[in-house]
Amino acid sequence: MRQAHTLRDLKEAGYAGFTKLYEEIRAGRLVATKIGRRTVILDDDLKAWLSRLPKLSTQ
């Protein structure tokens, strides 16, 4: 079974604020799914989005 995360869950966990999350969804970089009126991010889609974020340089 896949786990789904609400945008509030992601915000409270410190991933990003609502504005940034919606910006990423609109740009197609973060895949969102609708369950009724609720917008959720499936665990696999969250992991894919995180893996594409820029890495910090250690220099």
Protein backbone atom coordinates (compact mmCIF):
# COMPACT_ATOMS: atom_id res chain seq x y z
CA MET A 1 0.00 0.00 0.00
CA ARG A 2 1.28 3.45 -0.91
CA GLN A 3 1.41 6.17 1.68
CA ALA A 4 0.01 9.60 0.82
CA HIS A 5 1.03 12.90 2.38
CA THR A 6 -1.16 15.99 2.60
CA LEU A 7 0.40 19.34 1.84
CA ARG A 8 -0.10 20.21 5.51
CA ASP A 9 1.89 17.09 6.47
CA LEU A 10 4.76 18.17 4.22
CA LYS A 11 4.68 21.74 5.53
CA GLU A 12 4.65 20.63 9.16
CA ALA A 13 7.49 18.17 8.49
CA GLY A 14 9.57 21.07 7.16
CA TYR A 15 9.80 20.07 3.51
CA ALA A 16 8.49 23.42 2.21
CA GLY A 17 5.75 25.97 2.76
CA PHE A 18 2.40 25.91 0.99
CA THR A 19 3.48 28.52 -1.56
CA LYS A 20 6.56 26.54 -2.62
CA LEU A 21 4.66 23.24 -2.72
CA TYR A 22 1.93 24.68 -4.97
CA GLU A 23 4.61 26.34 -7.13
CA GLU A 24 6.35 22.97 -7.60
CA ILE A 25 3.01 21.29 -8.43
CA ARG A 26 2.08 23.98 -10.99
CA ALA A 27 5.52 23.68 -12.60
CA GLY A 28 5.13 19.90 -12.89
CA ARG A 29 8.12 19.15 -10.70
CA LEU A 30 6.03 17.69 -7.87
CA VAL A 31 3.25 15.28 -8.84
CA ALA A 32 0.03 15.73 -6.87
CA THR A 33 -3.00 13.46 -6.72
CA LYS A 34 -6.56 14.41 -5.80
CA ILE A 35 -8.59 12.25 -3.42
CA GLY A 36 -11.96 13.93 -3.44
CA ARG A 37 -11.21 17.57 -2.63
CA ARG A 38 -7.93 16.77 -0.88
CA THR A 39 -4.58 17.19 -2.64
CA VAL A 40 -2.05 14.54 -1.65
CA ILE A 41 1.47 13.60 -2.63
CA LEU A 42 2.14 9.88 -2.92
CA ASP A 43 5.28 8.65 -1.20
CA ASP A 44 6.97 7.62 -4.48
CA ASP A 45 6.28 11.08 -5.97
CA LEU A 46 7.68 12.80 -2.87
CA LYS A 47 10.85 10.69 -3.04
CA ALA A 48 11.25 11.45 -6.78
CA TRP A 49 10.84 15.20 -6.16
CA LEU A 50 13.37 15.16 -3.32
CA SER A 51 15.89 13.25 -5.43
CA ARG A 52 15.74 15.95 -8.13
CA LEU A 53 16.41 18.87 -5.78
CA PRO A 54 19.81 20.55 -6.22
CA LYS A 55 22.60 19.24 -4.01
CA LEU A 56 24.63 21.63 -1.85
CA SER A 57 28.30 21.99 -2.57
CA THR A 58 30.63 20.97 0.28
CA GLN A 59 33.30 23.47 -0.69
